[in-house]
Amino acid sequence: GFDDGLYAGARLLEILSRAADASAVLEALPDSSSTPELNIGMQEGEPFALIEELRRNARFDGAREIITIDGLRVEYADGFGLARPSNTTPVVVLRFEADNDAALQRIQADFRRLLHAARPELTVPF
């Protein structure tokens, strides 16, 4: 819910407060490649219909898990892709994260393929 960010922040502060060198803790974290929040603008009601169609046709080679709660999240061994309808504006929100740039581009290509299969006219922001 809405308190996840507060909890994560408090836990991070707790972990850092126990370390002699907080910067060493942060430097030990793995690097990854990610996108900012990406949006596809649509007409009112269309984002929910598009996500429902994506759920029905979701086929992702190499995916470890496909989660369809509140959208479509595809988990890979080296990253994830997420598409979900916004509850406040008529957009589909997309996020991607991976261990490296090559994996990020591969995951985005999987989502681009699925989006264009559902709506060939879509301008995809990645």
C-alpha atoms as a PDB file:
ATOM      1  CA  GLY A   1       0.000   0.000   0.000  1.00  0.00           C
ATOM      2  CA  PHE A   2       0.848   3.583   0.548  1.00  0.00           C
ATOM      3  CA  ASP A   3       3.207   2.990   3.480  1.00  0.00           C
ATOM      4  CA  ASP A   4       5.717   0.850   1.552  1.00  0.00           C
ATOM      5  CA  GLY A   5       7.987   3.812   0.827  1.00  0.00           C
ATOM      6  CA  LEU A   6       7.991   4.947   4.439  1.00  0.00           C
ATOM      7  CA  TYR A   7       8.808   1.460   5.649  1.00  0.00           C
ATOM      8  CA  ALA A   8      11.587   1.003   3.081  1.00  0.00           C
ATOM      9  CA  GLY A   9      13.078   4.374   4.018  1.00  0.00           C
ATOM     10  CA  ALA A  10      12.994   3.570   7.727  1.00  0.00           C
ATOM     11  CA  ARG A  11      14.627   0.167   7.141  1.00  0.00           C
ATOM     12  CA  LEU A  12      17.356   1.755   5.020  1.00  0.00           C
ATOM     13  CA  LEU A  13      18.091   4.285   7.751  1.00  0.00           C
ATOM     14  CA  GLU A  14      18.238   1.471  10.296  1.00  0.00           C
ATOM     15  CA  ILE A  15      20.702  -0.528   8.180  1.00  0.00           C
ATOM     16  CA  LEU A  16      22.884   2.496   7.479  1.00  0.00           C
ATOM     17  CA  SER A  17      22.916   3.529  11.145  1.00  0.00           C
ATOM     18  CA  ARG A  18      24.451   0.158  12.084  1.00  0.00           C
ATOM     19  CA  ALA A  19      27.296   0.433   9.573  1.00  0.00           C
ATOM     20  CA  ALA A  20      30.617   2.059  10.383  1.00  0.00           C
ATOM     21  CA  ASP A  21      30.836   3.317   6.790  1.00  0.00           C
ATOM     22  CA  ALA A  22      27.417   3.956   5.253  1.00  0.00           C
ATOM     23  CA  SER A  23      28.878   4.688   1.806  1.00  0.00           C
ATOM     24  CA  ALA A  24      30.522   1.230   1.750  1.00  0.00           C
ATOM     25  CA  VAL A  25      27.112  -0.365   2.318  1.00  0.00           C
ATOM     26  CA  LEU A  26      25.646   1.534  -0.631  1.00  0.00           C
ATOM     27  CA  GLU A  27      28.650   0.853  -2.878  1.00  0.00           C
ATOM     28  CA  ALA A  28      28.247  -2.896  -2.266  1.00  0.00           C
ATOM     29  CA  LEU A  29      24.781  -2.864  -3.848  1.00  0.00           C
ATOM     30  CA  PRO A  30      24.628  -4.240  -7.408  1.00  0.00           C
ATOM     31  CA  ASP A  31      24.376  -1.851 -10.333  1.00  0.00           C
ATOM     32  CA  SER A  32      21.342  -2.141 -12.559  1.00  0.00           C
ATOM     33  CA  SER A  33      19.755  -0.453 -15.536  1.00  0.00           C
ATOM     34  CA  SER A  34      16.279   0.997 -15.215  1.00  0.00           C
ATOM     35  CA  THR A  35      13.876   3.379 -16.856  1.00  0.00           C
ATOM     36  CA  PRO A  36      11.962   6.228 -15.324  1.00  0.00           C
ATOM     37  CA  GLU A  37       8.193   5.916 -15.325  1.00  0.00           C
ATOM     38  CA  LEU A  38       7.107   5.822 -18.967  1.00  0.00           C
ATOM     39  CA  ASN A  39       3.546   6.679 -20.023  1.00  0.00           C
ATOM     40  CA  ILE A  40       1.396   5.903 -23.036  1.00  0.00           C
ATOM     41  CA  GLY A  41      -1.437   8.432 -23.254  1.00  0.00           C
ATOM     42  CA  MET A  42      -4.814   7.066 -24.320  1.00  0.00           C
ATOM     43  CA  GLN A  43      -8.500   7.927 -24.275  1.00  0.00           C
ATOM     44  CA  GLU A  44     -10.480   7.479 -21.053  1.00  0.00           C
ATOM     45  CA  GLY A  45     -11.096   3.778 -20.356  1.00  0.00           C
ATOM     46  CA  GLU A  46      -8.648   2.522 -22.999  1.00  0.00           C
ATOM     47  CA  PRO A  47      -5.743   1.757 -20.628  1.00  0.00           C
ATOM     48  CA  PHE A  48      -7.769  -0.848 -18.721  1.00  0.00           C
ATOM     49  CA  ALA A  49      -8.935  -2.495 -21.961  1.00  0.00           C
ATOM     50  CA  LEU A  50      -5.385  -2.586 -23.314  1.00  0.00           C
ATOM     51  CA  ILE A  51      -3.967  -4.132 -20.140  1.00  0.00           C
ATOM     52  CA  GLU A  52      -6.710  -6.762 -20.168  1.00  0.00           C
ATOM     53  CA  GLU A  53      -5.783  -7.644 -23.750  1.00  0.00           C
ATOM     54  CA  LEU A  54      -2.087  -7.798 -22.835  1.00  0.00           C
ATOM     55  CA  ARG A  55      -2.902 -10.153 -19.958  1.00  0.00           C
ATOM     56  CA  ARG A  56      -4.837 -12.485 -22.254  1.00  0.00           C
ATOM     57  CA  ASN A  57      -2.040 -12.611 -24.830  1.00  0.00           C
ATOM     58  CA  ALA A  58       0.970 -12.544 -22.504  1.00  0.00           C
ATOM     59  CA  ARG A  59       3.623 -14.901 -23.890  1.00  0.00           C
ATOM     60  CA  PHE A  60       7.152 -14.147 -22.748  1.00  0.00           C
ATOM     61  CA  ASP A  61       9.968 -16.567 -23.547  1.00  0.00           C
ATOM     62  CA  GLY A  62      12.327 -16.915 -20.621  1.00  0.00           C
ATOM     63  CA  ALA A  63       9.960 -15.356 -18.087  1.00  0.00           C
ATOM     64  CA  ARG A  64      10.162 -16.813 -14.587  1.00  0.00           C
ATOM     65  CA  GLU A  65       6.784 -15.449 -13.537  1.00  0.00           C
ATOM     66  CA  ILE A  66       3.926 -13.446 -15.021  1.00  0.00           C
ATOM     67  CA  ILE A  67       1.932 -11.490 -12.446  1.00  0.00           C
ATOM     68  CA  THR A  68      -1.430 -10.049 -13.506  1.00  0.00           C
ATOM     69  CA  ILE A  69      -2.498  -8.259 -10.319  1.00  0.00           C
ATOM     70  CA  ASP A  70      -3.159  -4.559 -11.084  1.00  0.00           C
ATOM     71  CA  GLY A  71      -1.543  -4.824 -14.510  1.00  0.00           C
ATOM     72  CA  LEU A  72       1.071  -7.036 -16.104  1.00  0.00           C
ATOM     73  CA  ARG A  73       4.452  -7.625 -14.470  1.00  0.00           C
ATOM     74  CA  VAL A  74       6.859 -10.059 -16.097  1.00  0.00           C
ATOM     75  CA  GLU A  75       9.730 -11.323 -13.957  1.00  0.00           C
ATOM     76  CA  TYR A  76      12.902 -12.610 -15.607  1.00  0.00           C
ATOM     77  CA  ALA A  77      16.046 -13.974 -13.943  1.00  0.00           C
ATOM     78  CA  ASP A  78      17.787 -10.707 -14.856  1.00  0.00           C
ATOM     79  CA  GLY A  79      15.054  -8.080 -14.562  1.00  0.00           C
ATOM     80  CA  PHE A  80      11.390  -7.211 -14.962  1.00  0.00           C
ATOM     81  CA  GLY A  81       8.923  -5.295 -17.083  1.00  0.00           C
ATOM     82  CA  LEU A  82       5.693  -3.733 -15.814  1.00  0.00           C
ATOM     83  CA  ALA A  83       2.661  -2.299 -17.601  1.00  0.00           C
ATOM     84  CA  ARG A  84      -0.328  -1.096 -15.613  1.00  0.00           C
ATOM     85  CA  PRO A  85      -3.240   1.278 -16.098  1.00  0.00           C
ATOM     86  CA  SER A  86      -3.145   4.473 -14.068  1.00  0.00           C
ATOM     87  CA  ASN A  87      -6.074   4.884 -11.706  1.00  0.00           C
ATOM     88  CA  THR A  88      -5.964   8.686 -11.956  1.00  0.00           C
ATOM     89  CA  THR A  89      -5.215   9.519 -15.594  1.00  0.00           C
ATOM     90  CA  PRO A  90      -5.891   7.759 -18.919  1.00  0.00           C
ATOM     91  CA  VAL A  91      -2.369   6.376 -19.375  1.00  0.00           C
ATOM     92  CA  VAL A  92      -0.604   3.036 -19.309  1.00  0.00           C
ATOM     93  CA  VAL A  93       2.386   3.260 -16.975  1.00  0.00           C
ATOM     94  CA  LEU A  94       5.503   1.283 -17.888  1.00  0.00           C
ATOM     95  CA  ARG A  95       8.648   0.527 -15.859  1.00  0.00           C
ATOM     96  CA  PHE A  96      11.632  -1.642 -16.680  1.00  0.00           C
ATOM     97  CA  GLU A  97      14.659  -2.739 -14.684  1.00  0.00           C
ATOM     98  CA  ALA A  98      17.426  -5.236 -15.446  1.00  0.00           C
ATOM     99  CA  ASP A  99      20.898  -6.300 -14.415  1.00  0.00           C
ATOM    100  CA  ASN A 100      22.442  -4.605 -17.463  1.00  0.00           C
ATOM    101  CA  ASP A 101      21.569  -2.585 -20.572  1.00  0.00           C
ATOM    102  CA  ALA A 102      21.366  -5.635 -22.859  1.00  0.00           C
ATOM    103  CA  ALA A 103      18.822  -7.335 -20.590  1.00  0.00           C
ATOM    104  CA  LEU A 104      16.858  -4.081 -20.284  1.00  0.00           C
ATOM    105  CA  GLN A 105      16.645  -3.746 -24.066  1.00  0.00           C
ATOM    106  CA  ARG A 106      15.584  -7.399 -24.443  1.00  0.00           C
ATOM    107  CA  ILE A 107      12.782  -7.001 -21.882  1.00  0.00           C
ATOM    108  CA  GLN A 108      11.611  -3.771 -23.506  1.00  0.00           C
ATOM    109  CA  ALA A 109      11.586  -5.508 -26.907  1.00  0.00           C
ATOM    110  CA  ASP A 110       9.312  -8.223 -25.471  1.00  0.00           C
ATOM    111  CA  PHE A 111       6.864  -5.577 -24.221  1.00  0.00           C
ATOM    112  CA  ARG A 112       7.101  -3.559 -27.456  1.00  0.00           C
ATOM    113  CA  ARG A 113       6.200  -6.703 -29.434  1.00  0.00           C
ATOM    114  CA  LEU A 114       3.181  -7.405 -27.202  1.00  0.00           C
ATOM    115  CA  LEU A 115       1.999  -3.770 -27.240  1.00  0.00           C
ATOM    116  CA  HIS A 116       2.237  -3.509 -31.035  1.00  0.00           C
ATOM    117  CA  ALA A 117       0.464  -6.850 -31.478  1.00  0.00           C
ATOM    118  CA  ALA A 118      -2.437  -5.458 -29.438  1.00  0.00           C
ATOM    119  CA  ARG A 119      -2.400  -1.905 -30.842  1.00  0.00           C
ATOM    120  CA  PRO A 120      -0.173  -1.451 -33.936  1.00  0.00           C
ATOM    121  CA  GLU A 121      -0.831   2.304 -33.953  1.00  0.00           C
ATOM    122  CA  LEU A 122       0.612   2.877 -30.469  1.00  0.00           C
ATOM    123  CA  THR A 123       3.604   5.146 -30.095  1.00  0.00           C
ATOM    124  CA  VAL A 124       5.735   3.306 -27.558  1.00  0.00           C
ATOM    125  CA  PRO A 125       8.061   5.619 -25.557  1.00  0.00           C
ATOM    126  CA  PHE A 126      11.054   3.262 -25.576  1.00  0.00           C
END
